[in-house]
N, C-alpha and C. Protein backbone atom coordinates (compact mmCIF):
# COMPACT_ATOMS: atom_id res chain seq x y z
N MET A 1 1.05 -1.22 0.15
CA MET A 1 -0.32 -0.03 -0.16
C MET A 1 0.85 1.47 0.09
N PRO A 2 0.63 2.19 -0.82
CA PRO A 2 1.36 3.41 -0.91
C PRO A 2 1.12 4.52 0.32
N MET A 3 2.35 4.72 0.73
CA MET A 3 2.18 5.60 2.02
C MET A 3 1.80 7.04 1.41
N GLU A 4 0.65 7.45 2.20
CA GLU A 4 0.41 8.86 1.89
C GLU A 4 1.14 9.93 2.53
N HIS A 5 1.37 10.96 1.52
CA HIS A 5 2.28 11.92 2.21
C HIS A 5 1.45 12.93 3.09
N THR A 6 2.11 13.35 4.12
CA THR A 6 1.47 14.17 5.21
C THR A 6 2.32 15.24 5.44
N SER A 7 1.68 16.30 5.21
CA SER A 7 2.66 17.76 5.43
C SER A 7 3.07 17.98 6.75
N THR A 8 4.34 18.54 6.78
CA THR A 8 5.04 19.02 8.13
C THR A 8 4.17 20.04 8.88
N ARG A 9 4.40 20.36 10.05
CA ARG A 9 3.71 21.47 10.86
C ARG A 9 4.16 22.76 10.25
N ARG A 10 5.42 22.72 9.67
CA ARG A 10 6.07 23.91 9.06
C ARG A 10 5.72 23.97 7.83
N GLU A 11 5.09 23.00 6.88
CA GLU A 11 4.46 23.20 5.71
C GLU A 11 2.90 23.84 6.00
N ARG A 12 2.67 23.24 6.99
CA ARG A 12 1.11 23.77 7.15
C ARG A 12 1.21 24.95 7.36
N LYS A 13 1.83 25.78 8.39
CA LYS A 13 1.93 27.10 8.65
C LYS A 13 2.48 27.67 7.91
N SER A 14 3.11 27.38 6.88
CA SER A 14 3.66 28.55 5.93
C SER A 14 2.98 28.37 4.59
N ALA A 15 2.20 27.55 4.33
CA ALA A 15 1.08 27.28 3.09
C ALA A 15 0.29 28.14 3.21
N PRO A 16 0.01 28.72 2.12
CA PRO A 16 -1.13 29.93 2.01
C PRO A 16 -2.58 29.08 1.81
N ALA A 17 -3.71 29.56 2.26
CA ALA A 17 -4.64 29.01 2.30
C ALA A 17 -4.95 28.97 0.91
N GLN A 18 -5.78 27.83 0.80
CA GLN A 18 -6.36 27.51 -0.93
C GLN A 18 -7.57 28.55 -1.24
N GLU A 19 -7.54 28.66 -2.28
CA GLU A 19 -8.22 29.73 -3.01
C GLU A 19 -9.71 29.78 -2.48
N SER A 20 -10.14 28.41 -2.47
CA SER A 20 -11.47 28.00 -2.28
C SER A 20 -11.85 28.41 -0.41
N GLU A 21 -10.84 28.34 -0.02
CA GLU A 21 -10.99 28.35 1.64
C GLU A 21 -11.04 29.79 1.93
N LYS A 22 -10.57 30.58 1.19
CA LYS A 22 -10.48 32.44 1.52
C LYS A 22 -11.71 33.16 1.51
N ALA A 23 -12.17 33.44 2.28
CA ALA A 23 -13.67 34.15 2.51
C ALA A 23 -13.23 35.42 2.54
N VAL A 24 -14.07 36.27 2.31
CA VAL A 24 -14.00 37.84 2.85
C VAL A 24 -14.57 38.01 3.82
N LEU A 25 -13.51 38.48 4.94
CA LEU A 25 -14.08 38.39 6.31
C LEU A 25 -14.21 39.94 6.57
N ARG A 26 -15.32 40.30 7.55
CA ARG A 26 -15.18 41.51 7.79
C ARG A 26 -14.25 41.67 8.99
N HIS A 27 -13.32 42.72 9.30
CA HIS A 27 -12.39 42.93 10.07
C HIS A 27 -13.00 43.79 11.43
N ASN A 28 -13.78 44.46 11.23
CA ASN A 28 -14.58 45.35 12.27
C ASN A 28 -13.37 46.13 13.03
N LYS A 29 -12.58 46.61 11.94
CA LYS A 29 -11.61 47.55 12.73
C LYS A 29 -10.17 46.84 13.23
N LEU A 30 -10.10 45.35 13.20
CA LEU A 30 -9.03 44.61 13.49
C LEU A 30 -7.54 45.38 12.67
N ASP A 31 -7.81 45.48 11.26
CA ASP A 31 -6.94 45.73 10.69
C ASP A 31 -6.31 47.37 10.89
N ASP A 32 -6.86 47.86 11.66
CA ASP A 32 -6.56 49.18 12.39
C ASP A 32 -5.46 49.17 13.46
N ASN A 33 -5.62 47.91 13.80
CA ASN A 33 -4.41 47.44 14.93
C ASN A 33 -2.99 47.45 14.11
N ILE A 34 -1.93 48.09 14.78
CA ILE A 34 -0.72 47.97 14.55
C ILE A 34 0.03 46.77 14.62
N GLY A 35 -0.59 45.96 15.93
CA GLY A 35 0.20 44.64 15.90
C GLY A 35 -0.45 43.74 15.02
N TYR A 36 -1.34 43.92 14.29
CA TYR A 36 -2.17 43.28 13.57
C TYR A 36 -1.62 43.22 12.33
N GLN A 37 -0.96 44.50 11.98
CA GLN A 37 -0.41 44.96 10.65
C GLN A 37 0.92 44.62 10.56
N ILE A 38 1.59 44.56 11.62
CA ILE A 38 3.10 44.02 11.77
C ILE A 38 2.87 42.88 11.39
N ARG A 39 2.00 41.65 11.91
CA ARG A 39 2.06 40.38 11.81
C ARG A 39 1.64 40.27 10.58
N ALA A 40 0.81 41.06 9.89
CA ALA A 40 0.62 40.27 8.47
C ALA A 40 1.83 40.78 7.29
N ALA A 41 2.22 41.76 7.84
CA ALA A 41 3.49 42.29 7.10
C ALA A 41 4.90 41.16 7.12
N TYR A 42 5.06 40.76 8.65
CA TYR A 42 5.79 39.91 8.73
C TYR A 42 5.45 38.36 8.07
N VAL A 43 4.19 38.32 8.03
CA VAL A 43 3.79 36.83 7.05
C VAL A 43 4.39 36.76 5.45
N ALA A 44 4.04 38.02 5.27
CA ALA A 44 4.28 38.40 3.42
C ALA A 44 5.93 38.50 3.34
N VAL A 45 6.53 39.29 4.44
CA VAL A 45 8.26 38.99 4.14
C VAL A 45 8.69 37.95 4.45
N ARG A 46 8.26 36.92 5.64
CA ARG A 46 8.91 35.47 5.77
C ARG A 46 8.58 34.74 4.36
N ARG A 47 7.19 34.86 3.91
CA ARG A 47 6.82 34.03 3.04
C ARG A 47 8.35 34.27 1.68
N ASN A 48 8.11 35.58 1.29
CA ASN A 48 9.27 36.12 0.46
C ASN A 48 10.64 35.67 0.68
N PHE A 49 11.13 35.65 1.92
CA PHE A 49 12.62 35.29 2.33
C PHE A 49 12.50 33.79 2.13
N GLU A 50 11.52 32.82 2.68
CA GLU A 50 11.59 31.54 2.26
C GLU A 50 11.57 31.35 0.71
N ALA A 51 10.97 32.00 0.05
CA ALA A 51 11.05 31.70 -1.40
C ALA A 51 12.70 32.31 -1.88
N ALA A 52 13.21 33.51 -1.36
CA ALA A 52 14.26 33.75 -1.73
C ALA A 52 15.47 32.37 -1.39
N MET A 53 15.26 31.99 -0.03
CA MET A 53 16.20 31.00 0.17
C MET A 53 15.96 29.70 -0.01
N LYS A 54 15.12 29.14 -0.60
CA LYS A 54 14.89 27.99 -0.52
C LYS A 54 15.91 26.97 -1.51
N LYS A 55 16.40 27.48 -2.48
CA LYS A 55 17.59 27.14 -3.33
C LYS A 55 19.15 26.80 -2.34
N LEU A 56 18.89 27.24 -1.10
CA LEU A 56 20.03 27.58 -0.26
C LEU A 56 19.57 26.58 1.13
N ASP A 57 18.56 26.50 1.16
CA ASP A 57 17.87 25.39 2.37
C ASP A 57 18.39 26.39 3.74
N LEU A 58 18.22 27.63 3.86
CA LEU A 58 18.81 28.06 4.83
C LEU A 58 17.27 28.93 5.50
N THR A 59 17.13 28.91 6.68
CA THR A 59 15.90 29.65 7.46
C THR A 59 16.59 31.19 7.77
N GLN A 60 15.57 31.91 8.11
CA GLN A 60 15.51 33.28 8.54
C GLN A 60 17.00 33.17 9.86
N LYS A 61 16.56 32.39 10.89
CA LYS A 61 17.59 32.33 11.99
C LYS A 61 18.79 31.54 11.54
N GLN A 62 18.96 30.48 10.84
CA GLN A 62 20.42 30.23 10.34
C GLN A 62 21.18 31.06 9.66
N THR A 63 20.13 31.70 8.77
CA THR A 63 20.91 32.59 7.99
C THR A 63 21.62 34.06 8.84
N SER A 64 21.01 34.31 9.90
CA SER A 64 21.20 35.42 10.94
C SER A 64 22.72 34.38 11.47
N VAL A 65 22.47 33.45 11.96
CA VAL A 65 23.47 32.71 12.48
C VAL A 65 24.99 32.50 11.99
N LEU A 66 24.55 32.23 10.86
CA LEU A 66 25.76 31.84 9.89
C LEU A 66 26.71 33.30 9.67
N TRP A 67 25.47 34.41 9.26
CA TRP A 67 26.01 35.62 9.15
C TRP A 67 26.94 36.49 10.36
N LEU A 68 26.23 36.16 11.65
CA LEU A 68 27.35 36.83 12.88
C LEU A 68 28.04 35.88 12.98
N ILE A 69 28.06 34.23 12.72
CA ILE A 69 29.40 33.66 12.69
C ILE A 69 30.30 34.19 12.03
N GLU A 70 30.24 34.50 10.56
CA GLU A 70 31.15 34.90 9.78
C GLU A 70 31.86 36.04 10.15
N ALA A 71 31.02 37.04 10.49
CA ALA A 71 31.35 38.48 10.81
C ALA A 71 32.24 38.51 12.29
N ASN A 72 32.11 37.23 13.41
CA ASN A 72 32.33 37.60 14.62
C ASN A 72 33.36 36.02 14.62
N ALA A 73 34.35 36.05 14.38
CA ALA A 73 35.13 34.66 14.09
C ALA A 73 35.42 34.11 15.58
N GLY A 74 34.92 32.79 16.06
CA GLY A 74 35.16 32.61 17.60
C GLY A 74 34.26 32.86 17.83
N VAL A 75 33.10 33.49 17.65
CA VAL A 75 32.20 33.57 18.62
C VAL A 75 31.33 32.53 19.15
N SER A 76 30.89 32.49 20.32
CA SER A 76 30.12 31.50 21.09
C SER A 76 28.63 31.24 21.06
N GLN A 77 28.17 30.24 20.94
CA GLN A 77 26.85 29.96 21.15
C GLN A 77 26.11 30.88 21.96
N ILE A 78 26.29 31.16 23.06
CA ILE A 78 25.57 32.08 24.24
C ILE A 78 25.60 33.08 23.70
N ALA A 79 26.71 33.79 23.23
CA ALA A 79 26.96 35.24 22.73
C ALA A 79 25.94 35.24 21.55
N LEU A 80 25.60 34.53 20.63
CA LEU A 80 24.80 34.39 19.51
C LEU A 80 23.58 34.29 20.16
N ALA A 81 22.89 33.68 21.05
CA ALA A 81 21.92 33.49 21.39
C ALA A 81 21.49 34.66 22.10
N ASN A 82 22.25 35.24 22.78
CA ASN A 82 22.04 36.67 23.62
C ASN A 82 21.88 37.71 22.70
N ASP A 83 22.76 37.96 21.53
CA ASP A 83 22.52 38.81 20.43
C ASP A 83 21.21 38.58 19.87
N LEU A 84 20.79 37.52 19.41
CA LEU A 84 19.43 37.15 18.81
C LEU A 84 18.21 37.04 19.37
N GLY A 85 18.63 36.91 21.05
CA GLY A 85 17.42 37.29 21.63
C GLY A 85 16.57 35.53 21.69
N MET A 86 17.67 34.48 21.74
CA MET A 86 16.88 33.27 21.66
C MET A 86 17.43 32.26 22.76
N ASP A 87 16.94 31.34 23.20
CA ASP A 87 17.13 30.08 24.28
C ASP A 87 18.43 29.29 23.71
N ARG A 88 19.04 28.91 24.77
CA ARG A 88 20.55 28.02 24.47
C ARG A 88 20.28 26.79 23.54
N ALA A 89 18.86 26.11 24.02
CA ALA A 89 18.56 24.98 23.29
C ALA A 89 18.22 25.33 21.94
N SER A 90 17.53 26.47 21.37
CA SER A 90 17.13 26.76 20.14
C SER A 90 18.71 27.19 19.09
N MET A 91 19.26 27.64 20.13
CA MET A 91 20.77 28.32 19.34
C MET A 91 21.65 27.10 19.02
N MET A 92 21.44 25.98 19.90
CA MET A 92 22.12 24.62 19.70
C MET A 92 21.72 23.73 18.68
N ALA A 93 20.37 23.89 18.63
CA ALA A 93 19.71 23.17 17.39
C ALA A 93 20.28 23.44 16.04
N ILE A 94 20.38 24.84 15.98
CA ILE A 94 20.79 25.88 14.77
C ILE A 94 22.20 25.52 14.39
N VAL A 95 22.88 25.58 15.63
CA VAL A 95 24.56 25.62 15.36
C VAL A 95 24.61 24.06 14.98
N ASP A 96 23.93 23.03 15.36
CA ASP A 96 24.13 21.67 15.23
C ASP A 96 23.80 21.56 13.58
N ARG A 97 22.78 22.06 12.98
CA ARG A 97 22.40 21.68 11.73
C ARG A 97 23.02 22.61 10.66
N LEU A 98 23.76 23.63 10.77
CA LEU A 98 24.78 24.51 10.32
C LEU A 98 26.07 23.58 10.25
N GLU A 99 26.22 23.05 11.42
CA GLU A 99 27.59 22.26 11.38
C GLU A 99 27.76 20.90 10.73
N GLU A 100 26.27 20.15 10.77
CA GLU A 100 25.89 18.93 10.00
C GLU A 100 25.83 19.55 8.53
N ARG A 101 25.90 20.44 8.25
CA ARG A 101 25.93 20.75 6.80
C ARG A 101 27.60 21.35 6.20
N GLY A 102 28.21 21.12 7.02
CA GLY A 102 29.62 21.98 6.96
C GLY A 102 29.65 23.33 6.60
N LEU A 103 28.68 23.82 7.24
CA LEU A 103 28.89 25.17 6.57
C LEU A 103 29.41 26.10 8.31
N ILE A 104 29.86 25.67 8.91
CA ILE A 104 30.68 25.82 10.27
C ILE A 104 31.33 24.98 11.26
N VAL A 105 32.50 25.27 11.87
CA VAL A 105 33.13 24.49 12.70
C VAL A 105 32.84 24.87 13.97
N ARG A 106 33.14 24.16 14.84
CA ARG A 106 33.08 24.22 16.55
C ARG A 106 34.23 23.66 17.03
N LYS A 107 34.91 24.47 17.67
CA LYS A 107 36.12 24.02 18.35
C LYS A 107 36.32 24.72 19.80
N ARG A 108 36.92 23.77 20.57
CA ARG A 108 37.24 24.21 21.79
C ARG A 108 38.31 25.35 22.15
N SER A 109 37.67 26.39 23.06
CA SER A 109 38.65 27.77 23.06
C SER A 109 39.90 27.27 23.98
N ALA A 110 40.96 27.85 23.43
CA ALA A 110 42.07 27.73 23.90
C ALA A 110 42.36 28.24 25.34
N GLU A 111 41.32 29.21 25.40
CA GLU A 111 41.50 30.20 26.64
C GLU A 111 40.77 29.16 27.96
N ASP A 112 39.40 28.97 27.33
CA ASP A 112 38.31 28.57 28.11
C ASP A 112 37.84 27.08 27.43
N GLY A 113 38.39 25.75 28.17
CA GLY A 113 37.92 24.74 27.77
C GLY A 113 36.30 24.37 27.50
N ARG A 114 35.84 25.15 28.33
CA ARG A 114 34.20 24.80 28.45
C ARG A 114 33.79 25.78 27.25
N ARG A 115 34.21 26.56 26.84
CA ARG A 115 33.46 27.57 25.37
C ARG A 115 33.83 26.84 24.40
N GLN A 116 32.90 27.06 23.36
CA GLN A 116 32.86 26.36 22.21
C GLN A 116 33.08 27.66 21.04
N GLU A 117 34.16 27.80 20.41
CA GLU A 117 34.22 28.81 19.37
C GLU A 117 33.55 28.43 18.23
N LEU A 118 32.80 29.40 17.40
CA LEU A 118 32.46 29.13 15.96
C LEU A 118 33.01 29.51 15.13
N ASN A 119 33.42 29.07 14.09
CA ASN A 119 33.90 29.82 12.65
C ASN A 119 32.93 29.00 11.41
N ALA A 120 32.86 30.15 10.63
CA ALA A 120 32.29 29.39 9.43
C ALA A 120 33.60 28.56 8.24
N THR A 121 32.96 27.61 7.95
CA THR A 121 33.90 27.03 6.75
C THR A 121 33.99 27.70 5.51
N ALA A 122 34.87 27.34 4.66
CA ALA A 122 35.02 28.17 3.44
C ALA A 122 33.39 27.94 2.46
N LYS A 123 33.22 26.38 3.09
CA LYS A 123 31.60 26.20 2.06
C LYS A 123 30.61 27.01 2.70
N GLY A 124 30.74 27.41 4.13
CA GLY A 124 29.72 28.26 4.77
C GLY A 124 29.96 29.90 4.02
N LYS A 125 31.39 30.02 3.88
CA LYS A 125 31.47 31.68 3.40
C LYS A 125 30.80 31.84 1.77
N LYS A 126 30.64 30.74 1.07
CA LYS A 126 30.41 30.66 0.11
C LYS A 126 28.88 30.65 0.00
N VAL A 127 28.14 29.97 0.79
CA VAL A 127 26.74 29.94 0.96
C VAL A 127 26.34 31.47 1.94
N LEU A 128 26.91 31.78 2.70
CA LEU A 128 26.86 32.99 2.90
C LEU A 128 26.56 34.04 2.07
N ALA A 129 27.76 34.30 1.20
CA ALA A 129 27.67 35.10 -0.24
C ALA A 129 26.43 34.82 -1.03
N GLN A 130 26.20 33.93 -1.32
CA GLN A 130 24.90 33.56 -1.91
C GLN A 130 23.59 34.16 -1.33
N ALA A 131 23.77 33.51 -0.18
CA ALA A 131 22.44 34.13 0.96
C ALA A 131 22.60 35.89 0.99
N LYS A 132 23.56 36.42 0.84
CA LYS A 132 23.46 37.94 1.03
C LYS A 132 23.11 38.54 -0.36
N THR A 133 23.05 37.71 -1.53
CA THR A 133 22.96 37.89 -2.85
C THR A 133 21.05 38.05 -2.83
N ALA A 134 20.55 37.06 -2.22
CA ALA A 134 19.50 36.39 -2.18
C ALA A 134 18.63 37.72 -1.39
N ILE A 135 19.27 37.95 -0.30
CA ILE A 135 18.84 38.92 0.90
C ILE A 135 18.65 40.24 0.19
N HIS A 136 19.72 40.44 -0.64
CA HIS A 136 19.85 41.87 -1.21
C HIS A 136 18.33 42.14 -2.19
N ASP A 137 18.08 40.79 -3.02
CA ASP A 137 16.67 41.08 -3.54
C ASP A 137 15.46 40.96 -2.76
N HIS A 138 15.68 40.15 -1.96
CA HIS A 138 14.64 40.38 -0.93
C HIS A 138 14.72 41.82 -0.32
N GLU A 139 15.38 42.28 0.03
CA GLU A 139 15.04 43.50 0.85
C GLU A 139 14.91 44.60 -0.24
N LYS A 140 15.02 44.55 -1.45
CA LYS A 140 14.42 44.95 -2.41
C LYS A 140 12.96 45.10 -2.67
N TRP A 141 12.54 43.98 -2.53
CA TRP A 141 11.29 43.64 -2.82
C TRP A 141 10.59 44.41 -1.46
N ILE A 142 11.07 44.52 -0.48
CA ILE A 142 10.40 44.99 0.74
C ILE A 142 10.41 46.87 0.43
N SER A 143 11.84 47.33 0.11
CA SER A 143 12.00 48.68 0.08
C SER A 143 11.26 49.40 -0.77
N GLN A 144 10.85 48.58 -1.88
CA GLN A 144 10.36 49.39 -3.34
C GLN A 144 8.94 49.57 -3.35
N LYS A 145 8.68 49.18 -1.93
CA LYS A 145 7.32 49.39 -1.62
C LYS A 145 7.20 51.00 -0.87
N PHE A 146 8.25 51.46 -0.50
CA PHE A 146 8.54 52.80 0.15
C PHE A 146 9.60 53.81 -0.49
N THR A 147 9.27 54.88 -0.20
CA THR A 147 10.55 55.61 -0.42
C THR A 147 11.72 55.52 0.03
N ARG A 148 12.87 56.22 -0.31
CA ARG A 148 13.93 55.95 0.78
C ARG A 148 13.57 56.91 2.03
N ALA A 149 13.03 57.76 2.37
CA ALA A 149 12.85 58.51 3.27
C ALA A 149 12.02 57.59 4.07
N GLU A 150 11.09 56.99 3.77
CA GLU A 150 10.05 56.19 4.43
C GLU A 150 10.93 54.78 5.03
N VAL A 151 11.65 54.25 4.18
CA VAL A 151 12.17 52.96 4.36
C VAL A 151 13.22 53.44 5.95
N ALA A 152 13.94 54.60 5.65
CA ALA A 152 14.75 55.14 6.84
C ALA A 152 13.74 55.14 7.99
N ALA A 153 13.04 55.97 8.05
CA ALA A 153 12.17 55.99 9.12
C ALA A 153 11.56 54.73 9.59
N PHE A 154 11.44 53.98 8.64
CA PHE A 154 10.48 52.67 9.27
C PHE A 154 11.95 51.94 9.91
N VAL A 155 12.76 51.88 9.02
CA VAL A 155 13.99 51.04 10.11
C VAL A 155 14.28 51.48 11.20
N GLU A 156 14.28 52.74 11.47
CA GLU A 156 14.76 53.63 12.74
C GLU A 156 13.20 53.40 13.78
N GLY A 157 12.05 53.48 13.57
CA GLY A 157 11.21 52.85 14.08
C GLY A 157 11.15 51.74 14.72
N LEU A 158 11.34 50.58 13.81
CA LEU A 158 11.36 49.15 14.49
C LEU A 158 12.73 49.09 15.21
N LYS A 159 13.72 49.51 14.88
CA LYS A 159 14.97 49.47 16.29
C LYS A 159 14.71 49.84 17.34
N ARG A 160 13.38 50.82 17.59
CA ARG A 160 13.05 51.29 18.96
C ARG A 160 12.73 50.05 19.75
N PHE A 161 12.11 49.15 19.12
CA PHE A 161 11.48 47.74 19.92
C PHE A 161 12.45 47.37 20.48
N ALA A 162 14.17 47.29 19.67
CA ALA A 162 14.92 46.54 20.41
C ALA A 162 15.99 47.22 21.44
N ARG A 163 15.45 48.34 21.40
CA ARG A 163 16.36 49.37 22.77
C ARG A 163 15.90 48.77 23.75
């Protein structure tokens, strides 16, 4: 008996609803809420990012981690987790995945044997260069919806949440 394909949780979450399932709903001012609009924008941006990174098989978090490792040779997992606002277990899973793919290497610190230093491999640097090209196109897709002044103000406004 052939095995039926079942979608993963990630596929179900990121797959858009089928056309027949889309009903025109009254929002009753829901779409006047800033949080609602941020979430809707995030969904659109995430989908575009995922499409841009599909051939590289990188998630947003993996891309950020690889980017920071390449920019900060010898960085620790804890420093990455703190910078990205992630818990240690999630960071370890991302680092494990990048290491399995040969994009990074871990080595014990010469100064502190408890600390793992992370470095990008030549393959990791090549994949990151490709990712940066894809991200450039992705960023252009986002920014073309605004004037330069609006983009600058938008980015500055978003940065206030992280301060």
